[in-house]
Amino acid sequence: MDMSESQFVAKLAEAIEKLQRPAIPLSVDLWDIATIAQYLKRDPQVVRERMACLPSFPRAIRLPTKSGRAQPLYNAKEVIAWVQSHQEKS
């Protein structure tokens, strides 16, 4: 069964649309260390070991789990504000 180029493009666009997740507003989004590292353009290990442990870094949110070992999450808006607070003053 042959399909035209325009049919192929339409099917491809439809498939891509189904894979996309809806955007979560930054005011309520929760980021993990990997996402924060991507935002900061740093290695996740650097964020975990050198930044997230700073007293000024936003406090972690730990959702309850059966094992009791919840991965720390951080309010995206608070992380962005923390980053912006370190901008050099002129």
PDB file of N, CA and C in Angstrom:
ATOM      1  N   MET A   1       0.845  -1.172   0.000  1.00  0.00           N
ATOM      2  CA  MET A   1       0.000   0.000   0.000  1.00  0.00           C
ATOM      3  C   MET A   1       0.891   1.237   0.000  1.00  0.00           C
ATOM      4  N   ASP A   2       0.800   1.999  -1.035  1.00  0.00           N
ATOM      5  CA  ASP A   2       1.581   3.226  -1.156  1.00  0.00           C
ATOM      6  C   ASP A   2       0.788   4.402  -0.620  1.00  0.00           C
ATOM      7  N   MET A   3       1.516   5.308   0.003  1.00  0.00           N
ATOM      8  CA  MET A   3       0.854   6.517   0.500  1.00  0.00           C
ATOM      9  C   MET A   3       1.627   7.707  -0.032  1.00  0.00           C
ATOM     10  N   SER A   4       0.903   8.769  -0.332  1.00  0.00           N
ATOM     11  CA  SER A   4       1.544   9.958  -0.869  1.00  0.00           C
ATOM     12  C   SER A   4       2.367  10.635   0.226  1.00  0.00           C
ATOM     13  N   GLU A   5       3.229  11.508  -0.209  1.00  0.00           N
ATOM     14  CA  GLU A   5       4.076  12.224   0.735  1.00  0.00           C
ATOM     15  C   GLU A   5       3.237  13.051   1.708  1.00  0.00           C
ATOM     16  N   SER A   6       2.210  13.695   1.215  1.00  0.00           N
ATOM     17  CA  SER A   6       1.364  14.515   2.089  1.00  0.00           C
ATOM     18  C   SER A   6       0.598  13.646   3.090  1.00  0.00           C
ATOM     19  N   GLN A   7       0.185  12.440   2.697  1.00  0.00           N
ATOM     20  CA  GLN A   7      -0.484  11.527   3.626  1.00  0.00           C
ATOM     21  C   GLN A   7       0.496  11.066   4.707  1.00  0.00           C
ATOM     22  N   PHE A   8       1.715  10.775   4.279  1.00  0.00           N
ATOM     23  CA  PHE A   8       2.743  10.359   5.223  1.00  0.00           C
ATOM     24  C   PHE A   8       3.023  11.458   6.238  1.00  0.00           C
ATOM     25  N   VAL A   9       3.170  12.685   5.770  1.00  0.00           N
ATOM     26  CA  VAL A   9       3.433  13.818   6.651  1.00  0.00           C
ATOM     27  C   VAL A   9       2.272  14.012   7.620  1.00  0.00           C
ATOM     28  N   ALA A  10       1.053  13.878   7.137  1.00  0.00           N
ATOM     29  CA  ALA A  10      -0.123  14.030   8.003  1.00  0.00           C
ATOM     30  C   ALA A  10      -0.151  12.959   9.083  1.00  0.00           C
ATOM     31  N   LYS A  11       0.145  11.707   8.717  1.00  0.00           N
ATOM     32  CA  LYS A  11       0.171  10.618   9.702  1.00  0.00           C
ATOM     33  C   LYS A  11       1.298  10.811  10.709  1.00  0.00           C
ATOM     34  N   LEU A  12       2.440  11.267  10.232  1.00  0.00           N
ATOM     35  CA  LEU A  12       3.573  11.526  11.111  1.00  0.00           C
ATOM     36  C   LEU A  12       3.241  12.644  12.100  1.00  0.00           C
ATOM     37  N   ALA A  13       2.642  13.708  11.627  1.00  0.00           N
ATOM     38  CA  ALA A  13       2.258  14.826  12.494  1.00  0.00           C
ATOM     39  C   ALA A  13       1.249  14.365  13.544  1.00  0.00           C
ATOM     40  N   GLU A  14       0.329  13.529  13.159  1.00  0.00           N
ATOM     41  CA  GLU A  14      -0.672  12.992  14.090  1.00  0.00           C
ATOM     42  C   GLU A  14       0.000  12.140  15.172  1.00  0.00           C
ATOM     43  N   ALA A  15       0.950  11.310  14.771  1.00  0.00           N
ATOM     44  CA  ALA A  15       1.659  10.463  15.728  1.00  0.00           C
ATOM     45  C   ALA A  15       2.479  11.298  16.713  1.00  0.00           C
ATOM     46  N   ILE A  16       3.134  12.338  16.219  1.00  0.00           N
ATOM     47  CA  ILE A  16       3.926  13.218  17.082  1.00  0.00           C
ATOM     48  C   ILE A  16       3.020  13.937  18.076  1.00  0.00           C
ATOM     49  N   GLU A  17       1.885  14.397  17.620  1.00  0.00           N
ATOM     50  CA  GLU A  17       0.933  15.098  18.494  1.00  0.00           C
ATOM     51  C   GLU A  17       0.458  14.193  19.637  1.00  0.00           C
ATOM     52  N   LYS A  18       0.249  12.922  19.357  1.00  0.00           N
ATOM     53  CA  LYS A  18      -0.194  11.983  20.382  1.00  0.00           C
ATOM     54  C   LYS A  18       0.885  11.741  21.437  1.00  0.00           C
ATOM     55  N   LEU A  19       2.155  11.869  21.061  1.00  0.00           N
ATOM     56  CA  LEU A  19       3.264  11.637  21.986  1.00  0.00           C
ATOM     57  C   LEU A  19       3.561  12.822  22.893  1.00  0.00           C
ATOM     58  N   GLN A  20       3.144  14.008  22.485  1.00  0.00           N
ATOM     59  CA  GLN A  20       3.450  15.199  23.271  1.00  0.00           C
ATOM     60  C   GLN A  20       2.589  15.258  24.525  1.00  0.00           C
ATOM     61  N   ARG A  21       3.229  15.620  25.626  1.00  0.00           N
ATOM     62  CA  ARG A  21       2.520  15.813  26.881  1.00  0.00           C
ATOM     63  C   ARG A  21       2.079  17.267  26.985  1.00  0.00           C
ATOM     64  N   PRO A  22       0.962  17.506  27.637  1.00  0.00           N
ATOM     65  CA  PRO A  22       0.563  18.907  27.823  1.00  0.00           C
ATOM     66  C   PRO A  22       1.548  19.613  28.756  1.00  0.00           C
ATOM     67  N   ALA A  23       1.797  20.867  28.488  1.00  0.00           N
ATOM     68  CA  ALA A  23       2.729  21.644  29.310  1.00  0.00           C
ATOM     69  C   ALA A  23       2.106  21.913  30.675  1.00  0.00           C
ATOM     70  N   ILE A  24       2.921  21.767  31.709  1.00  0.00           N
ATOM     71  CA  ILE A  24       2.485  22.070  33.070  1.00  0.00           C
ATOM     72  C   ILE A  24       3.002  23.465  33.388  1.00  0.00           C
ATOM     73  N   PRO A  25       2.144  24.357  33.879  1.00  0.00           N
ATOM     74  CA  PRO A  25       2.610  25.717  34.194  1.00  0.00           C
ATOM     75  C   PRO A  25       3.737  25.689  35.228  1.00  0.00           C
ATOM     76  N   LEU A  26       4.727  26.552  35.030  1.00  0.00           N
ATOM     77  CA  LEU A  26       5.874  26.600  35.941  1.00  0.00           C
ATOM     78  C   LEU A  26       5.460  26.929  37.372  1.00  0.00           C
ATOM     79  N   SER A  27       4.346  27.588  37.536  1.00  0.00           N
ATOM     80  CA  SER A  27       3.912  27.962  38.886  1.00  0.00           C
ATOM     81  C   SER A  27       3.529  26.751  39.726  1.00  0.00           C
ATOM     82  N   VAL A  28       3.248  25.622  39.089  1.00  0.00           N
ATOM     83  CA  VAL A  28       2.848  24.418  39.833  1.00  0.00           C
ATOM     84  C   VAL A  28       3.699  23.193  39.492  1.00  0.00           C
ATOM     85  N   ASP A  29       4.589  23.317  38.517  1.00  0.00           N
ATOM     86  CA  ASP A  29       5.387  22.170  38.092  1.00  0.00           C
ATOM     87  C   ASP A  29       6.394  21.782  39.171  1.00  0.00           C
ATOM     88  N   LEU A  30       6.669  20.483  39.265  1.00  0.00           N
ATOM     89  CA  LEU A  30       7.692  19.963  40.163  1.00  0.00           C
ATOM     90  C   LEU A  30       8.816  19.391  39.324  1.00  0.00           C
ATOM     91  N   TRP A  31      10.047  19.766  39.653  1.00  0.00           N
ATOM     92  CA  TRP A  31      11.210  19.313  38.913  1.00  0.00           C
ATOM     93  C   TRP A  31      12.027  18.358  39.762  1.00  0.00           C
ATOM     94  N   ASP A  32      12.584  17.357  39.096  1.00  0.00           N
ATOM     95  CA  ASP A  32      13.542  16.476  39.767  1.00  0.00           C
ATOM     96  C   ASP A  32      14.948  17.014  39.499  1.00  0.00           C
ATOM     97  N   ILE A  33      15.935  16.374  40.068  1.00  0.00           N
ATOM     98  CA  ILE A  33      17.324  16.837  39.917  1.00  0.00           C
ATOM     99  C   ILE A  33      17.736  16.855  38.446  1.00  0.00           C
ATOM    100  N   ALA A  34      17.333  15.849  37.682  1.00  0.00           N
ATOM    101  CA  ALA A  34      17.713  15.789  36.262  1.00  0.00           C
ATOM    102  C   ALA A  34      17.150  16.974  35.487  1.00  0.00           C
ATOM    103  N   THR A  35      15.922  17.360  35.776  1.00  0.00           N
ATOM    104  CA  THR A  35      15.303  18.498  35.086  1.00  0.00           C
ATOM    105  C   THR A  35      15.976  19.797  35.490  1.00  0.00           C
ATOM    106  N   ILE A  36      16.282  19.926  36.776  1.00  0.00           N
ATOM    107  CA  ILE A  36      16.989  21.122  37.244  1.00  0.00           C
ATOM    108  C   ILE A  36      18.362  21.197  36.579  1.00  0.00           C
ATOM    109  N   ALA A  37      19.046  20.083  36.494  1.00  0.00           N
ATOM    110  CA  ALA A  37      20.365  20.047  35.854  1.00  0.00           C
ATOM    111  C   ALA A  37      20.273  20.485  34.394  1.00  0.00           C
ATOM    112  N   GLN A  38      19.245  20.030  33.719  1.00  0.00           N
ATOM    113  CA  GLN A  38      19.053  20.419  32.321  1.00  0.00           C
ATOM    114  C   GLN A  38      18.816  21.930  32.226  1.00  0.00           C
ATOM    115  N   TYR A  39      17.985  22.464  33.120  1.00  0.00           N
ATOM    116  CA  TYR A  39      17.702  23.901  33.147  1.00  0.00           C
ATOM    117  C   TYR A  39      18.978  24.706  33.414  1.00  0.00           C
ATOM    118  N   LEU A  40      19.808  24.213  34.336  1.00  0.00           N
ATOM    119  CA  LEU A  40      21.028  24.927  34.713  1.00  0.00           C
ATOM    120  C   LEU A  40      22.217  24.640  33.800  1.00  0.00           C
ATOM    121  N   LYS A  41      22.021  23.701  32.873  1.00  0.00           N
ATOM    122  CA  LYS A  41      23.105  23.289  31.971  1.00  0.00           C
ATOM    123  C   LYS A  41      24.299  22.761  32.777  1.00  0.00           C
ATOM    124  N   ARG A  42      23.976  21.910  33.733  1.00  0.00           N
ATOM    125  CA  ARG A  42      24.972  21.286  34.601  1.00  0.00           C
ATOM    126  C   ARG A  42      24.717  19.785  34.652  1.00  0.00           C
ATOM    127  N   ASP A  43      25.687  19.049  35.120  1.00  0.00           N
ATOM    128  CA  ASP A  43      25.546  17.616  35.310  1.00  0.00           C
ATOM    129  C   ASP A  43      24.647  17.372  36.529  1.00  0.00           C
ATOM    130  N   PRO A  44      23.750  16.386  36.467  1.00  0.00           N
ATOM    131  CA  PRO A  44      22.889  16.110  37.619  1.00  0.00           C
ATOM    132  C   PRO A  44      23.659  15.873  38.915  1.00  0.00           C
ATOM    133  N   GLN A  45      24.814  15.247  38.828  1.00  0.00           N
ATOM    134  CA  GLN A  45      25.613  14.995  40.022  1.00  0.00           C
ATOM    135  C   GLN A  45      26.081  16.305  40.655  1.00  0.00           C
ATOM    136  N   VAL A  46      26.431  17.286  39.837  1.00  0.00           N
ATOM    137  CA  VAL A  46      26.846  18.599  40.341  1.00  0.00           C
ATOM    138  C   VAL A  46      25.679  19.269  41.066  1.00  0.00           C
ATOM    139  N   VAL A  47      24.492  19.199  40.468  1.00  0.00           N
ATOM    140  CA  VAL A  47      23.315  19.801  41.102  1.00  0.00           C
ATOM    141  C   VAL A  47      23.032  19.115  42.434  1.00  0.00           C
ATOM    142  N   ARG A  48      23.056  17.801  42.446  1.00  0.00           N
ATOM    143  CA  ARG A  48      22.737  17.022  43.653  1.00  0.00           C
ATOM    144  C   ARG A  48      23.751  17.271  44.769  1.00  0.00           C
ATOM    145  N   GLU A  49      25.040  17.259  44.418  1.00  0.00           N
ATOM    146  CA  GLU A  49      26.089  17.303  45.434  1.00  0.00           C
ATOM    147  C   GLU A  49      26.584  18.701  45.797  1.00  0.00           C
ATOM    148  N   ARG A  50      26.399  19.675  44.911  1.00  0.00           N
ATOM    149  CA  ARG A  50      26.971  20.994  45.171  1.00  0.00           C
ATOM    150  C   ARG A  50      25.952  22.119  45.264  1.00  0.00           C
ATOM    151  N   MET A  51      24.756  21.916  44.735  1.00  0.00           N
ATOM    152  CA  MET A  51      23.778  23.004  44.734  1.00  0.00           C
ATOM    153  C   MET A  51      22.580  22.705  45.633  1.00  0.00           C
ATOM    154  N   ALA A  52      21.976  21.545  45.453  1.00  0.00           N
ATOM    155  CA  ALA A  52      20.762  21.214  46.209  1.00  0.00           C
ATOM    156  C   ALA A  52      21.015  21.150  47.706  1.00  0.00           C
ATOM    157  N   CYS A  53      22.267  20.974  48.113  1.00  0.00           N
ATOM    158  CA  CYS A  53      22.604  20.899  49.539  1.00  0.00           C
ATOM    159  C   CYS A  53      22.857  22.274  50.153  1.00  0.00           C
ATOM    160  N   LEU A  54      22.881  23.326  49.336  1.00  0.00           N
ATOM    161  CA  LEU A  54      23.110  24.672  49.871  1.00  0.00           C
ATOM    162  C   LEU A  54      21.902  25.122  50.700  1.00  0.00           C
ATOM    163  N   PRO A  55      22.139  25.806  51.809  1.00  0.00           N
ATOM    164  CA  PRO A  55      21.019  26.256  52.644  1.00  0.00           C
ATOM    165  C   PRO A  55      20.050  27.184  51.917  1.00  0.00           C
ATOM    166  N   SER A  56      20.534  27.905  50.921  1.00  0.00           N
ATOM    167  CA  SER A  56      19.674  28.846  50.194  1.00  0.00           C
ATOM    168  C   SER A  56      18.855  28.181  49.085  1.00  0.00           C
ATOM    169  N   PHE A  57      19.196  26.933  48.740  1.00  0.00           N
ATOM    170  CA  PHE A  57      18.476  26.236  47.665  1.00  0.00           C
ATOM    171  C   PHE A  57      17.060  25.920  48.135  1.00  0.00           C
ATOM    172  N   PRO A  58      16.073  25.966  47.245  1.00  0.00           N
ATOM    173  CA  PRO A  58      14.704  25.656  47.659  1.00  0.00           C
ATOM    174  C   PRO A  58      14.595  24.289  48.349  1.00  0.00           C
ATOM    175  N   ARG A  59      13.707  24.208  49.303  1.00  0.00           N
ATOM    176  CA  ARG A  59      13.512  22.971  50.057  1.00  0.00           C
ATOM    177  C   ARG A  59      12.865  21.912  49.184  1.00  0.00           C
ATOM    178  N   ALA A  60      13.265  20.675  49.388  1.00  0.00           N
ATOM    179  CA  ALA A  60      12.733  19.554  48.611  1.00  0.00           C
ATOM    180  C   ALA A  60      11.312  19.218  49.048  1.00  0.00           C
ATOM    181  N   ILE A  61      10.562  18.689  48.108  1.00  0.00           N
ATOM    182  CA  ILE A  61       9.234  18.139  48.370  1.00  0.00           C
ATOM    183  C   ILE A  61       9.384  16.631  48.225  1.00  0.00           C
ATOM    184  N   ARG A  62       9.015  15.904  49.253  1.00  0.00           N
ATOM    185  CA  ARG A  62       9.126  14.441  49.211  1.00  0.00           C
ATOM    186  C   ARG A  62       7.741  13.841  49.386  1.00  0.00           C
ATOM    187  N   LEU A  63       7.211  13.339  48.298  1.00  0.00           N
ATOM    188  CA  LEU A  63       5.882  12.727  48.336  1.00  0.00           C
ATOM    189  C   LEU A  63       5.979  11.359  49.002  1.00  0.00           C
ATOM    190  N   PRO A  64       4.974  10.977  49.764  1.00  0.00           N
ATOM    191  CA  PRO A  64       5.033   9.686  50.453  1.00  0.00           C
ATOM    192  C   PRO A  64       5.014   8.513  49.468  1.00  0.00           C
ATOM    193  N   THR A  65       5.794   7.498  49.785  1.00  0.00           N
ATOM    194  CA  THR A  65       5.814   6.266  48.993  1.00  0.00           C
ATOM    195  C   THR A  65       5.790   5.083  49.947  1.00  0.00           C
ATOM    196  N   LYS A  66       5.449   3.952  49.419  1.00  0.00           N
ATOM    197  CA  LYS A  66       5.389   2.741  50.234  1.00  0.00           C
ATOM    198  C   LYS A  66       6.763   2.400  50.814  1.00  0.00           C
ATOM    199  N   SER A  67       7.800   2.581  50.015  1.00  0.00           N
ATOM    200  CA  SER A  67       9.158   2.260  50.483  1.00  0.00           C
ATOM    201  C   SER A  67       9.720   3.329  51.413  1.00  0.00           C
ATOM    202  N   GLY A  68       9.108   4.510  51.401  1.00  0.00           N
ATOM    203  CA  GLY A  68       9.589   5.593  52.254  1.00  0.00           C
ATOM    204  C   GLY A  68      10.791   6.330  51.710  1.00  0.00           C
ATOM    205  N   ARG A  69      11.223   5.983  50.503  1.00  0.00           N
ATOM    206  CA  ARG A  69      12.406   6.622  49.896  1.00  0.00           C
ATOM    207  C   ARG A  69      11.986   7.446  48.696  1.00  0.00           C
ATOM    208  N   ALA A  70      11.326   8.534  48.952  1.00  0.00           N
ATOM    209  CA  ALA A  70      10.812   9.380  47.872  1.00  0.00           C
ATOM    210  C   ALA A  70      11.932  10.177  47.214  1.00  0.00           C
ATOM    211  N   GLN A  71      11.862  10.267  45.915  1.00  0.00           N
ATOM    212  CA  GLN A  71      12.811  11.093  45.163  1.00  0.00           C
ATOM    213  C   GLN A  71      12.478  12.554  45.448  1.00  0.00           C
ATOM    214  N   PRO A  72      13.471  13.380  45.750  1.00  0.00           N
ATOM    215  CA  PRO A  72      13.162  14.788  46.024  1.00  0.00           C
ATOM    216  C   PRO A  72      12.700  15.501  44.759  1.00  0.00           C
ATOM    217  N   LEU A  73      11.687  16.315  44.925  1.00  0.00           N
ATOM    218  CA  LEU A  73      11.170  17.161  43.860  1.00  0.00           C
ATOM    219  C   LEU A  73      11.246  18.597  44.346  1.00  0.00           C
ATOM    220  N   TYR A  74      11.304  19.524  43.407  1.00  0.00           N
ATOM    221  CA  TYR A  74      11.455  20.925  43.754  1.00  0.00           C
ATOM    222  C   TYR A  74      10.469  21.746  42.951  1.00  0.00           C
ATOM    223  N   ASN A  75       9.906  22.765  43.587  1.00  0.00           N
ATOM    224  CA  ASN A  75       8.976  23.654  42.910  1.00  0.00           C
ATOM    225  C   ASN A  75       9.753  24.431  41.845  1.00  0.00           C
ATOM    226  N   ALA A  76       9.339  24.304  40.603  1.00  0.00           N
ATOM    227  CA  ALA A  76      10.054  24.928  39.481  1.00  0.00           C
ATOM    228  C   ALA A  76      10.167  26.432  39.651  1.00  0.00           C
ATOM    229  N   LYS A  77       9.081  27.052  40.086  1.00  0.00           N
ATOM    230  CA  LYS A  77       9.079  28.504  40.258  1.00  0.00           C
ATOM    231  C   LYS A  77      10.115  28.929  41.303  1.00  0.00           C
ATOM    232  N   GLU A  78      10.261  28.148  42.372  1.00  0.00           N
ATOM    233  CA  GLU A  78      11.233  28.469  43.414  1.00  0.00           C
ATOM    234  C   GLU A  78      12.670  28.288  42.910  1.00  0.00           C
ATOM    235  N   VAL A  79      12.900  27.262  42.109  1.00  0.00           N
ATOM    236  CA  VAL A  79      14.244  27.033  41.553  1.00  0.00           C
ATOM    237  C   VAL A  79      14.616  28.196  40.629  1.00  0.00           C
ATOM    238  N   ILE A  80      13.687  28.609  39.791  1.00  0.00           N
ATOM    239  CA  ILE A  80      13.955  29.723  38.868  1.00  0.00           C
ATOM    240  C   ILE A  80      14.247  30.999  39.654  1.00  0.00           C
ATOM    241  N   ALA A  81      13.467  31.262  40.704  1.00  0.00           N
ATOM    242  CA  ALA A  81      13.701  32.450  41.538  1.00  0.00           C
ATOM    243  C   ALA A  81      15.071  32.378  42.210  1.00  0.00           C
ATOM    244  N   TRP A  82      15.463  31.187  42.669  1.00  0.00           N
ATOM    245  CA  TRP A  82      16.769  31.005  43.302  1.00  0.00           C
ATOM    246  C   TRP A  82      17.881  31.331  42.306  1.00  0.00           C
ATOM    247  N   VAL A  83      17.749  30.826  41.089  1.00  0.00           N
ATOM    248  CA  VAL A  83      18.752  31.089  40.049  1.00  0.00           C
ATOM    249  C   VAL A  83      18.837  32.587  39.778  1.00  0.00           C
ATOM    250  N   GLN A  84      17.695  33.224  39.618  1.00  0.00           N
ATOM    251  CA  GLN A  84      17.684  34.652  39.304  1.00  0.00           C
ATOM    252  C   GLN A  84      18.236  35.499  40.446  1.00  0.00           C
ATOM    253  N   SER A  85      18.140  35.000  41.669  1.00  0.00           N
ATOM    254  CA  SER A  85      18.670  35.749  42.807  1.00  0.00           C
ATOM    255  C   SER A  85      20.202  35.808  42.784  1.00  0.00           C
ATOM    256  N   HIS A  86      20.824  35.003  41.953  1.00  0.00           N
ATOM    257  CA  HIS A  86      22.284  34.964  41.873  1.00  0.00           C
ATOM    258  C   HIS A  86      22.827  35.751  40.680  1.00  0.00           C
ATOM    259  N   GLN A  87      21.962  36.526  40.052  1.00  0.00           N
ATOM    260  CA  GLN A  87      22.421  37.347  38.932  1.00  0.00           C
ATOM    261  C   GLN A  87      23.296  38.473  39.462  1.00  0.00           C
ATOM    262  N   GLU A  88      24.412  38.708  38.786  1.00  0.00           N
ATOM    263  CA  GLU A  88      25.331  39.755  39.204  1.00  0.00           C
ATOM    264  C   GLU A  88      24.662  41.126  39.115  1.00  0.00           C
ATOM    265  N   LYS A  89      24.975  41.949  40.090  1.00  0.00           N
ATOM    266  CA  LYS A  89      24.482  43.329  40.089  1.00  0.00           C
ATOM    267  C   LYS A  89      25.495  44.205  39.364  1.00  0.00           C
ATOM    268  N   SER A  90      25.001  45.159  38.613  1.00  0.00           N
ATOM    269  CA  SER A  90      25.941  46.031  37.881  1.00  0.00           C
ATOM    270  C   SER A  90      26.312  47.248  38.660  1.00  0.00           C
TER     271      SER A  90
END
